[in-house]
Amino acid sequence: MKKNYIKIWVLGMLSTLIFLASCSDDYLDKEIYGRKSTEEFYKTDQDAFRATIAIYDILQYHYNTGWSSNYLVKTLPSDEGTAGGGGSGDQPQYQNLDDFAYDSQNGGVLGTWRMAYFGIFRANKVINLVEPENDFRKTLIAEAKALRAYNYFELVSMFGDVPMILTEPDQSEYEQVRVASSIVYDQIEKDLREAIELLPLKSEYGAADQFRVSKGTAQALLGKAYLYQQEWDSAAYFLDAVITSNQYDLHDNYADNWTEAGELGKESVFEVQFVSSVGYDWGNFPWDNGRLQESNIHIQLMGSRGGFYEPAPGDSLIAGWGFLYPSEKIYNVFVNAGDSVRKVNTLMSEAELVAAGGAWNGENVWDYNGFIRRKYGTYSNQTNADAVAELNYATNWRLIRYSDVLLMAAEAFYNAGDEGRARTELNKVRDRADLDDVVATGNDLFEAIVTERQLELAFEGFRFLDLIRWGRGSQELGDLGFVEGKHNLFPIPFDDVVRGNLSQNDKW
C-alpha cells in the first residue's frame, strides 16, 4: 500500500511539472520583487551590514517553533530552582530538564542546538561572501567571527564534540561529523583573536549600537574559552585586557543591572536586546511558525503563576505563567552569606512577600518551594501597557556582565598562582554588595570565588556549567538526579543523530 501511495505522489508531481511546463514563460519567469540571490546580495556595504545584523537576530530566537530557550536549558538542571508551571505535563521539555529526565528528543535541547547553528550559518555567510574591500566591511567580518565563536562556545561547552562548519556546505557535504572539542576551541580562539584586532571599543559605538560585539566582548569571550579549558595564564591575560581597557565598570547599585535604564550600560559587555514596541497581541505573536520574536516572551513564562501570586502594594513585579521558582538552597546561600543587597534583587521568600503586604494564595502548587524570583522578573514597567502586556516584555538577556569578567579573572589569577590579584578582582564584586573583603588564601580563596559566582550570577544561566567544569556535578546535583559521566554533556539531538549519522554522547 505504501508503494502505491508513493507512485501516486510521483505521478501527481509529474502532472504538476507538465502543467507548469505548458504555461507561458511569463508565468515561470515572474520576478520576485525585493528578493536577491546569494550571488547578488553580499555586494554592497549596506548588504554586508544587514547580513551582520541578521546574526544578532538569531540570539533572540528563544521561542523557535516552541518553548526552547537556551537560557532555561542551561538553568533548569542547576540547583537554583525548579521548572514550575501548571503541573508535570506543562512544557514537558522543561520539566524533564529540571528532573534530569530529558533525552536526545528533548525539544529545548534541540532548539538550543538549532539556534547556535542558525547563528553560525548566518555568520559564515558574512565571513565568506563579504569582500573585505574597506575598513567598514573588515569590521563587519570581525563581528561575524566573534558571533560565530560565541555560538561555537555555546555548543562545545554544552555538547562537547560537535560538527564544525565554516563554509556553506554543498549537497555532497550535508553529512557532517563531530570534531574533537579541542579543535572547536582552536577555531573559537582563532576567530576571536582575529576579531579583537579589528573590533571597535565599546565607547566607539554610538548609543544605537551598544548591543554589538566590541573588542572587549571578544576579549571576554576568549578569556572565558581559555578558562573552560583550564588554560589559566591565557584566560587571565585576556580577561585582564577587558579590566584594564577602562571601557567597563560596575554599577554603583546592583539593582541598576536589572532595570530597563541599566540595559546596555557600563556593566554590559554583551547582551541580547528585546523591545516592547512591536505591540504583539494574541493574534499576531509568532506562535509556532518559526518567525523571530522581538519581545522576550520567556519573561512572561517565568513570572510567578497568576492566581496564586499577589504582589505587595507598590511592587511592579506582577504575575506570569509560573515557571522557574527558586530553590530553598539558593535562598539559604544568600542568607548565610549575609548578602541582603543582592538577595532583594534576586529572590524573596513567601514570608517576605506577605510581610510587604502581598500574598501567595495556594497550597501544594507544582514545584513551588516557598520562594519567588525577582531577577529576570515580570516587571510591569518593562512591558508595553498599551498592548497585551504578557506578550511584550523588553527585558534583555545579559550574556556577559563586567562582574562576571571580574569573577572569571579572579578564578584565572587564582589558578595561575596570583592570589593577590584574585582577591583584588573578587573583592571589587563583594564591595558593591556591601560584604567584607575576602582575605583567605589557598582552597578557602577558591571556595570564596565559587560562592561569589553563585551569589552574583544567580539565575543568569551559568551555575550548571560552572558546576560541571569544576567537577562538582555529583556533589551538588546528585540528589536531583544528576548522573556523572552522562549529564556532564547534553545529548546530541536525536534528529541529527539519525538524519546526519552523528555519534551520540556517552550514556545517551
Protein backbone atom coordinates (compact mmCIF):
# COMPACT_ATOMS: atom_id res chain seq x y z
CA MET A 1 0.00 0.00 0.00
CA LYS A 2 2.84 2.40 0.87
CA LYS A 3 4.40 1.86 -2.60
CA ASN A 4 1.09 2.73 -4.27
CA TYR A 5 0.94 6.00 -2.33
CA ILE A 6 4.46 6.83 -3.46
CA LYS A 7 3.56 6.09 -7.09
CA ILE A 8 0.50 8.33 -6.86
CA TRP A 9 2.60 11.12 -5.35
CA VAL A 10 5.23 10.83 -8.09
CA LEU A 11 2.61 10.79 -10.85
CA GLY A 12 0.95 13.81 -9.27
CA MET A 13 4.25 15.68 -9.20
CA LEU A 14 4.95 14.78 -12.84
CA SER A 15 1.50 16.05 -13.82
CA THR A 16 2.18 19.30 -12.00
CA LEU A 17 5.53 19.73 -13.73
CA ILE A 18 3.97 19.04 -17.16
CA PHE A 19 1.27 21.62 -16.40
CA LEU A 20 3.86 24.21 -15.36
CA ALA A 21 5.94 23.47 -18.44
CA SER A 22 2.92 24.21 -20.61
CA CYS A 23 2.40 27.62 -19.01
CA SER A 24 3.77 30.75 -20.54
CA ASP A 25 7.35 31.84 -19.99
CA ASP A 26 5.96 34.95 -18.30
CA TYR A 27 4.42 32.80 -15.55
CA LEU A 28 7.61 30.83 -14.94
CA ASP A 29 9.96 33.79 -15.13
CA LYS A 30 7.93 36.16 -12.99
CA GLU A 31 10.25 38.27 -10.84
CA ILE A 32 10.01 38.01 -7.04
CA TYR A 33 10.27 41.68 -6.13
CA GLY A 34 12.71 42.60 -3.35
CA ARG A 35 14.47 39.26 -3.38
CA LYS A 36 18.16 38.86 -4.22
CA SER A 37 20.14 35.69 -4.81
CA THR A 38 23.15 34.87 -2.67
CA GLU A 39 25.41 35.87 -5.56
CA GLU A 40 23.77 39.31 -5.78
CA PHE A 41 23.21 40.17 -2.14
CA TYR A 42 26.61 40.45 -0.42
CA LYS A 43 27.99 43.12 -2.76
CA THR A 44 27.38 46.46 -1.04
CA ASP A 45 28.22 47.91 2.35
CA GLN A 46 24.51 48.06 3.15
CA ASP A 47 24.05 44.39 2.27
CA ALA A 48 27.01 43.44 4.44
CA PHE A 49 25.63 45.47 7.36
CA ARG A 50 22.17 43.91 7.07
CA ALA A 51 23.64 40.42 6.90
CA THR A 52 25.67 41.08 10.05
CA ILE A 53 22.69 42.40 11.98
CA ALA A 54 20.83 39.24 10.94
CA ILE A 55 23.31 37.20 13.00
CA TYR A 56 22.28 39.12 16.11
CA ASP A 57 18.61 38.40 15.35
CA ILE A 58 19.20 34.69 15.97
CA LEU A 59 20.24 35.48 19.55
CA GLN A 60 16.60 36.43 20.16
CA TYR A 61 15.41 33.05 18.90
CA HIS A 62 14.46 31.61 22.29
CA TYR A 63 10.97 30.78 21.13
CA ASN A 64 11.66 28.92 17.90
CA THR A 65 8.55 26.97 16.93
CA GLY A 66 8.01 26.25 20.62
CA TRP A 67 9.43 26.90 24.08
CA SER A 68 13.12 26.12 23.68
CA SER A 69 15.16 28.83 25.37
CA ASN A 70 18.84 28.01 25.81
CA TYR A 71 18.68 30.20 28.93
CA LEU A 72 16.30 27.72 30.57
CA VAL A 73 18.13 24.72 29.10
CA LYS A 74 21.25 25.88 30.97
CA THR A 75 19.41 27.00 34.12
CA LEU A 76 16.88 24.27 34.92
CA PRO A 77 19.41 21.45 35.53
CA SER A 78 21.13 23.60 38.17
CA ASP A 79 20.35 23.74 41.90
CA GLU A 80 18.98 27.29 41.64
CA GLY A 81 15.33 26.47 41.02
CA THR A 82 12.61 24.22 39.69
CA ALA A 83 10.64 24.22 36.45
CA GLY A 84 7.30 25.23 37.94
CA GLY A 85 4.38 25.72 35.58
CA GLY A 86 0.91 24.25 35.88
CA GLY A 87 1.98 20.67 36.52
CA SER A 88 4.24 17.84 35.41
CA GLY A 89 2.80 17.95 31.89
CA ASP A 90 3.21 21.70 31.40
CA GLN A 91 6.04 22.17 28.87
CA PRO A 92 7.49 18.69 29.44
CA GLN A 93 10.79 19.59 27.78
CA TYR A 94 11.43 22.00 30.66
CA GLN A 95 10.05 19.66 33.33
CA ASN A 96 12.38 16.90 32.15
CA LEU A 97 15.42 19.17 32.15
CA ASP A 98 14.65 20.15 35.72
CA ASP A 99 14.34 16.50 36.78
CA PHE A 100 17.29 15.11 34.76
CA ALA A 101 14.72 13.03 32.89
CA TYR A 102 15.49 14.54 29.48
CA ASP A 103 16.74 12.57 26.49
CA SER A 104 18.02 13.23 22.98
CA GLN A 105 14.50 14.12 21.79
CA ASN A 106 14.08 16.97 24.26
CA GLY A 107 12.65 19.97 22.41
CA GLY A 108 14.59 22.51 24.46
CA VAL A 109 17.90 20.81 23.74
CA LEU A 110 17.06 20.60 20.03
CA GLY A 111 16.10 24.29 19.97
CA THR A 112 19.38 25.28 21.62
CA TRP A 113 21.36 23.22 19.09
CA ARG A 114 19.46 24.68 16.13
CA MET A 115 19.70 28.23 17.41
CA ALA A 116 23.50 28.00 17.57
CA TYR A 117 23.82 26.53 14.08
CA PHE A 118 21.40 29.08 12.61
CA GLY A 119 23.68 31.79 14.02
CA ILE A 120 26.76 30.04 12.64
CA PHE A 121 25.13 29.71 9.21
CA ARG A 122 24.47 33.45 9.06
CA ALA A 123 27.94 34.29 10.37
CA ASN A 124 29.54 32.06 7.74
CA LYS A 125 27.68 33.97 5.04
CA VAL A 126 29.25 37.26 6.12
CA ILE A 127 32.70 35.80 6.69
CA ASN A 128 32.83 34.01 3.34
CA LEU A 129 30.82 36.21 1.00
CA VAL A 130 31.54 39.78 2.08
CA GLU A 131 34.64 41.07 0.32
CA PRO A 132 36.91 42.93 2.81
CA GLU A 133 37.33 45.88 0.44
CA ASN A 134 37.23 48.60 3.09
CA ASP A 135 37.57 49.08 6.84
CA PHE A 136 33.78 49.06 7.34
CA ARG A 137 33.45 45.59 5.84
CA LYS A 138 36.51 44.30 7.64
CA THR A 139 34.90 45.32 10.92
CA LEU A 140 31.64 43.59 10.00
CA ILE A 141 33.54 40.38 9.20
CA ALA A 142 35.24 40.68 12.60
CA GLU A 143 31.81 40.96 14.24
CA ALA A 144 30.67 37.85 12.40
CA LYS A 145 33.74 35.94 13.56
CA ALA A 146 33.10 36.92 17.19
CA LEU A 147 29.46 35.86 16.90
CA ARG A 148 30.43 32.59 15.26
CA ALA A 149 32.85 31.99 18.12
CA TYR A 150 30.12 32.73 20.66
CA ASN A 151 27.79 30.17 19.08
CA TYR A 152 30.50 27.54 18.87
CA PHE A 153 31.34 28.15 22.52
CA GLU A 154 27.70 27.53 23.41
CA LEU A 155 27.83 24.26 21.50
CA VAL A 156 31.17 22.95 22.72
CA SER A 157 30.52 23.82 26.37
CA MET A 158 27.13 22.09 26.31
CA PHE A 159 27.62 19.20 23.86
CA GLY A 160 31.37 18.55 23.69
CA ASP A 161 32.49 17.35 20.24
CA VAL A 162 30.27 18.96 17.58
CA PRO A 163 30.21 19.36 13.79
CA MET A 164 32.28 22.38 12.79
CA ILE A 165 31.00 24.12 9.68
CA LEU A 166 32.99 27.12 8.48
CA THR A 167 31.63 27.44 4.95
CA GLU A 168 28.26 26.93 3.32
CA PRO A 169 28.32 23.19 2.51
CA ASP A 170 27.07 21.98 -0.85
CA GLN A 171 24.77 18.99 -1.08
CA SER A 172 27.63 16.49 -1.06
CA GLU A 173 28.80 17.82 2.31
CA TYR A 174 25.47 17.69 4.17
CA GLU A 175 26.58 14.71 6.25
CA GLN A 176 28.88 16.19 8.83
CA VAL A 177 31.00 14.53 11.52
CA ARG A 178 31.66 15.66 15.07
CA VAL A 179 35.15 17.01 15.59
CA ALA A 180 37.09 16.98 18.85
CA SER A 181 36.22 19.77 21.25
CA SER A 182 39.89 20.82 21.27
CA ILE A 183 39.64 21.57 17.54
CA VAL A 184 36.44 23.55 18.08
CA TYR A 185 38.16 25.57 20.80
CA ASP A 186 41.10 26.20 18.45
CA GLN A 187 38.69 27.71 15.93
CA ILE A 188 36.97 29.78 18.64
CA GLU A 189 40.35 31.17 19.65
CA LYS A 190 41.33 31.90 16.05
CA ASP A 191 38.09 33.72 15.30
CA LEU A 192 38.27 35.80 18.46
CA ARG A 193 41.94 36.72 18.09
CA GLU A 194 41.28 37.93 14.55
CA ALA A 195 38.17 39.80 15.68
CA ILE A 196 39.98 41.53 18.55
CA GLU A 197 42.39 43.16 16.09
CA LEU A 198 39.58 44.91 14.18
CA LEU A 199 36.61 45.40 16.51
CA PRO A 200 35.97 48.86 17.97
CA LEU A 201 35.96 49.62 21.66
CA LYS A 202 32.57 49.82 23.35
CA SER A 203 32.95 53.61 23.64
CA GLU A 204 33.45 53.90 19.88
CA TYR A 205 29.93 52.64 19.19
CA GLY A 206 27.06 55.10 19.15
CA ALA A 207 24.11 54.77 21.52
CA ALA A 208 22.05 52.79 19.00
CA ASP A 209 24.85 50.23 18.50
CA GLN A 210 25.71 49.35 22.09
CA PHE A 211 24.28 45.84 21.59
CA ARG A 212 27.00 44.98 19.07
CA VAL A 213 30.10 42.98 19.99
CA SER A 214 33.11 45.13 20.77
CA LYS A 215 36.79 44.44 21.30
CA GLY A 216 36.01 43.91 24.98
CA THR A 217 33.27 41.39 24.15
CA ALA A 218 35.70 39.33 22.09
CA GLN A 219 38.40 39.54 24.77
CA ALA A 220 35.94 38.43 27.45
CA LEU A 221 34.74 35.52 25.30
CA LEU A 222 38.31 34.47 24.58
CA GLY A 223 39.21 34.65 28.27
CA LYS A 224 36.15 32.53 29.06
CA ALA A 225 37.09 29.97 26.40
CA TYR A 226 40.55 29.63 27.94
CA LEU A 227 39.04 29.42 31.43
CA TYR A 228 36.85 26.48 30.41
CA GLN A 229 39.96 24.74 29.06
CA GLN A 230 41.88 25.48 32.28
CA GLU A 231 44.49 27.48 30.39
CA TRP A 232 44.83 29.86 33.29
CA ASP A 233 47.57 32.23 32.09
CA SER A 234 45.85 32.88 28.76
CA ALA A 235 42.48 33.31 30.48
CA ALA A 236 43.96 35.81 32.93
CA TYR A 237 45.67 37.73 30.12
CA PHE A 238 42.55 38.35 28.05
CA LEU A 239 40.22 38.96 31.00
CA ASP A 240 42.74 41.43 32.36
CA ALA A 241 42.69 43.19 28.97
CA VAL A 242 38.97 43.84 29.49
CA ILE A 243 39.58 45.14 33.01
CA THR A 244 42.43 47.48 32.05
CA SER A 245 40.63 48.82 28.96
CA ASN A 246 38.66 51.23 31.18
CA GLN A 247 35.62 50.60 29.00
CA TYR A 248 33.53 48.95 31.72
CA ASP A 249 32.68 49.41 35.36
CA LEU A 250 30.28 48.10 37.98
CA HIS A 251 27.04 49.96 38.53
CA ASP A 252 27.15 51.58 41.95
CA ASN A 253 23.82 49.94 42.72
CA TYR A 254 23.46 46.23 41.91
CA ALA A 255 19.76 46.82 41.20
CA ASP A 256 20.62 49.04 38.23
CA ASN A 257 21.63 45.95 36.27
CA TRP A 258 18.02 44.79 36.20
CA THR A 259 16.28 48.00 35.21
CA GLU A 260 15.43 48.94 31.65
CA ALA A 261 17.53 52.09 32.07
CA GLY A 262 20.52 49.96 33.07
CA GLU A 263 20.45 47.82 29.95
CA LEU A 264 23.48 48.15 27.66
CA GLY A 265 25.08 50.32 30.33
CA LYS A 266 28.61 50.49 31.67
CA GLU A 267 28.43 46.98 33.16
CA SER A 268 27.20 45.43 29.91
CA VAL A 269 29.82 43.50 27.95
CA PHE A 270 27.34 41.58 25.80
CA GLU A 271 23.57 41.26 25.91
CA VAL A 272 20.65 40.32 23.70
CA GLN A 273 18.27 43.16 23.01
CA PHE A 274 14.47 42.87 23.01
CA VAL A 275 11.82 45.56 22.52
CA SER A 276 8.21 46.13 23.55
CA SER A 277 7.37 48.49 20.70
CA VAL A 278 6.02 45.84 18.30
CA GLY A 279 2.83 45.69 20.34
CA TYR A 280 2.06 41.99 19.96
CA ASP A 281 -1.44 40.73 20.62
CA TRP A 282 -2.78 37.18 20.89
CA GLY A 283 -3.29 37.03 17.15
CA ASN A 284 -0.04 38.38 15.73
CA PHE A 285 2.53 36.96 18.13
CA PRO A 286 4.67 34.46 16.14
CA TRP A 287 3.42 31.28 17.82
CA ASP A 288 4.86 28.06 16.38
CA ASN A 289 5.68 29.38 12.94
CA GLY A 290 9.44 29.76 13.16
CA ARG A 291 9.49 33.56 12.91
CA LEU A 292 11.76 35.54 15.18
CA GLN A 293 10.11 37.38 18.05
CA GLU A 294 11.17 40.87 19.06
CA SER A 295 9.91 40.68 22.66
CA ASN A 296 11.16 38.37 25.39
CA ILE A 297 8.20 36.02 25.87
CA HIS A 298 10.13 33.89 28.36
CA ILE A 299 9.93 36.67 30.94
CA GLN A 300 6.16 36.17 30.98
CA LEU A 301 6.56 32.40 31.09
CA MET A 302 8.86 32.67 34.13
CA GLY A 303 6.76 35.05 36.23
CA SER A 304 5.17 33.65 39.40
CA ARG A 305 1.91 32.00 38.46
CA GLY A 306 -1.16 34.18 38.27
CA GLY A 307 -3.98 33.14 40.57
CA PHE A 308 -1.50 32.32 43.34
CA TYR A 309 0.88 35.29 43.41
CA GLU A 310 -0.42 38.65 44.61
CA PRO A 311 2.17 41.45 44.58
CA ALA A 312 2.77 43.74 47.51
CA PRO A 313 1.38 47.28 47.18
CA GLY A 314 3.65 49.42 45.05
CA ASP A 315 5.68 46.44 43.78
CA SER A 316 5.97 46.36 39.99
CA LEU A 317 6.68 42.59 40.00
CA ILE A 318 3.44 41.17 38.62
CA ALA A 319 2.26 37.62 37.91
CA GLY A 320 3.26 35.42 34.98
CA TRP A 321 2.80 31.80 33.97
CA GLY A 322 4.67 30.17 36.81
CA PHE A 323 7.99 28.80 35.56
CA LEU A 324 11.39 28.85 37.33
CA TYR A 325 10.75 29.08 41.06
CA PRO A 326 13.84 29.50 43.27
CA SER A 327 15.05 26.65 45.46
CA GLU A 328 15.43 26.85 49.22
CA LYS A 329 19.11 26.06 48.69
CA ILE A 330 19.88 29.23 46.74
CA TYR A 331 17.87 31.34 49.17
CA ASN A 332 19.91 30.00 52.08
CA VAL A 333 23.17 30.78 50.28
CA PHE A 334 22.22 34.46 50.33
CA VAL A 335 21.10 34.30 53.97
CA ASN A 336 24.25 32.51 55.12
CA ALA A 337 26.45 35.00 53.29
CA GLY A 338 24.64 37.95 54.88
CA ASP A 339 24.04 39.22 51.36
CA SER A 340 20.91 41.36 51.57
CA VAL A 341 21.86 43.72 48.72
CA ARG A 342 21.74 41.07 46.02
CA LYS A 343 19.11 38.92 47.69
CA VAL A 344 16.37 41.54 47.42
CA ASN A 345 17.11 41.91 43.71
CA THR A 346 17.30 38.18 43.07
CA LEU A 347 14.53 36.49 45.05
CA MET A 348 12.28 36.72 48.09
CA SER A 349 10.59 34.28 50.42
CA GLU A 350 6.85 33.94 50.76
CA ALA A 351 7.20 35.27 54.31
CA GLU A 352 8.91 38.40 52.96
CA LEU A 353 6.17 38.78 50.34
CA VAL A 354 3.46 38.60 53.00
CA ALA A 355 5.33 40.97 55.30
CA ALA A 356 5.41 43.54 52.48
CA GLY A 357 1.64 43.25 52.02
CA GLY A 358 1.48 40.70 49.21
CA ALA A 359 0.11 37.16 49.33
CA TRP A 360 0.54 33.64 48.00
CA ASN A 361 -2.90 32.12 47.56
CA GLY A 362 -2.29 28.43 47.11
CA GLU A 363 -1.04 25.24 48.69
CA ASN A 364 0.84 22.39 47.01
CA VAL A 365 1.43 24.48 43.89
CA TRP A 366 3.50 22.46 41.43
CA ASP A 367 7.26 22.82 42.04
CA TYR A 368 6.77 25.87 44.27
CA ASN A 369 9.25 25.91 47.17
CA GLY A 370 8.10 29.00 49.07
CA PHE A 371 10.28 31.47 47.14
CA ILE A 372 9.70 33.95 44.32
CA ARG A 373 12.32 35.03 41.79
CA ARG A 374 12.89 38.73 41.15
CA LYS A 375 15.86 38.65 38.77
CA TYR A 376 14.50 38.49 35.19
CA GLY A 377 11.11 39.11 36.77
CA THR A 378 7.82 40.13 35.21
CA TYR A 379 8.04 43.85 35.95
CA SER A 380 5.13 45.92 34.73
CA ASN A 381 7.44 48.78 33.74
CA GLN A 382 9.39 46.54 31.34
CA THR A 383 6.49 45.73 29.03
CA ASN A 384 4.03 47.62 26.82
CA ALA A 385 0.95 48.55 28.82
CA ASP A 386 -0.77 49.83 25.69
CA ALA A 387 -0.68 46.37 24.08
CA VAL A 388 -1.03 42.88 25.55
CA ALA A 389 1.40 43.22 28.43
CA GLU A 390 2.07 39.48 28.70
CA LEU A 391 3.49 39.35 25.16
CA ASN A 392 5.66 42.46 25.07
CA TYR A 393 8.42 42.27 27.66
CA ALA A 394 11.53 44.16 26.54
CA THR A 395 13.86 42.61 29.13
CA ASN A 396 17.30 41.90 27.66
CA TRP A 397 19.26 38.71 28.33
CA ARG A 398 22.57 39.73 29.93
CA LEU A 399 25.08 37.33 28.39
CA ILE A 400 28.26 38.84 29.88
CA ARG A 401 28.33 41.41 32.65
CA TYR A 402 31.50 43.10 33.86
CA SER A 403 31.10 41.48 37.27
CA ASP A 404 31.28 38.09 35.53
CA VAL A 405 34.54 39.19 33.89
CA LEU A 406 35.95 40.17 37.31
CA LEU A 407 34.99 36.83 38.83
CA MET A 408 36.36 34.85 35.88
CA ALA A 409 39.56 36.86 36.21
CA ALA A 410 39.71 36.11 39.95
CA GLU A 411 39.42 32.40 39.18
CA ALA A 412 42.04 32.56 36.42
CA PHE A 413 44.52 34.52 38.55
CA TYR A 414 43.99 32.15 41.48
CA ASN A 415 44.76 29.10 39.37
CA ALA A 416 47.70 30.87 37.72
CA GLY A 417 49.23 31.39 41.18
CA ASP A 418 48.47 35.08 41.70
CA GLU A 419 46.26 35.01 44.80
CA GLY A 420 46.70 38.72 45.46
CA ARG A 421 45.24 39.67 42.13
CA ALA A 422 42.48 37.06 42.57
CA ARG A 423 41.42 38.69 45.85
CA THR A 424 41.52 42.16 44.26
CA GLU A 425 39.06 41.25 41.49
CA LEU A 426 36.88 39.18 43.83
CA ASN A 427 36.60 41.98 46.36
CA LYS A 428 35.55 44.53 43.75
CA VAL A 429 32.36 42.49 43.33
CA ARG A 430 31.90 41.96 47.05
CA ASP A 431 32.40 45.65 47.83
CA ARG A 432 29.47 46.55 45.60
CA ALA A 433 27.35 44.10 47.62
CA ASP A 434 28.48 45.69 50.94
CA LEU A 435 30.26 42.50 52.00
CA ASP A 436 33.58 42.29 53.82
CA ASP A 437 36.72 41.77 51.77
CA VAL A 438 37.97 38.21 51.47
CA VAL A 439 41.41 37.72 52.99
CA ALA A 440 41.51 33.93 52.62
CA THR A 441 44.27 32.02 50.87
CA GLY A 442 44.59 28.62 49.23
CA ASN A 443 41.49 26.49 48.81
CA ASP A 444 39.47 28.83 51.04
CA LEU A 445 40.03 31.58 48.49
CA PHE A 446 38.84 29.34 45.67
CA GLU A 447 35.72 28.44 47.67
CA ALA A 448 35.05 32.15 48.17
CA ILE A 449 35.19 32.65 44.39
CA VAL A 450 32.80 29.71 43.87
CA THR A 451 30.31 31.15 46.35
CA GLU A 452 30.62 34.64 44.91
CA ARG A 453 29.72 33.41 41.44
CA GLN A 454 26.70 31.66 42.94
CA LEU A 455 25.54 34.89 44.59
CA GLU A 456 26.39 37.46 41.93
CA LEU A 457 25.27 35.45 38.91
CA ALA A 458 22.26 33.55 40.27
CA PHE A 459 19.63 32.88 37.59
CA GLU A 460 21.87 34.13 34.78
CA GLY A 461 22.46 30.72 33.20
CA PHE A 462 25.98 29.98 34.49
CA ARG A 463 25.62 27.83 37.59
CA PHE A 464 25.10 24.44 35.90
CA LEU A 465 28.06 24.76 33.54
CA ASP A 466 30.20 26.12 36.39
CA LEU A 467 29.47 23.02 38.46
CA ILE A 468 30.31 20.77 35.52
CA ARG A 469 33.66 22.38 34.78
CA TRP A 470 34.56 22.37 38.49
CA GLY A 471 33.76 18.65 38.68
CA ARG A 472 31.00 19.25 41.23
CA GLY A 473 28.00 17.89 39.36
CA SER A 474 27.52 14.82 41.54
CA GLN A 475 28.29 16.71 44.74
CA GLU A 476 25.76 19.48 44.21
CA LEU A 477 23.22 17.89 41.87
CA GLY A 478 23.35 14.17 42.64
CA ASP A 479 20.26 14.27 44.83
CA LEU A 480 18.39 15.98 41.96
CA GLY A 481 19.11 13.15 39.51
CA PHE A 482 22.46 14.12 38.01
CA VAL A 483 24.47 11.12 36.78
CA GLU A 484 28.22 11.55 36.49
CA GLY A 485 29.51 10.73 33.02
CA LYS A 486 26.09 11.28 31.46
CA HIS A 487 24.75 14.69 32.38
CA ASN A 488 28.16 16.38 32.08
CA LEU A 489 27.16 16.92 28.43
CA PHE A 490 23.78 17.34 26.81
CA PRO A 491 22.74 14.68 24.29
CA ILE A 492 23.21 15.29 20.59
CA PRO A 493 19.65 15.84 19.30
CA PHE A 494 18.05 12.65 18.02
CA ASP A 495 17.11 14.21 14.67
CA ASP A 496 20.74 14.87 13.79
CA VAL A 497 21.95 11.54 15.14
CA VAL A 498 19.53 9.78 12.79
CA ARG A 499 19.48 12.08 9.77
CA GLY A 500 23.07 13.26 9.98
CA ASN A 501 24.54 9.98 11.20
CA LEU A 502 26.22 11.75 14.10
CA SER A 503 27.68 9.83 17.02
CA GLN A 504 25.99 10.24 20.41
CA ASN A 505 27.49 11.32 23.73
CA ASP A 506 28.21 8.66 26.34
CA LYS A 507 25.28 7.07 28.17
CA TRP A 508 22.68 8.71 25.95
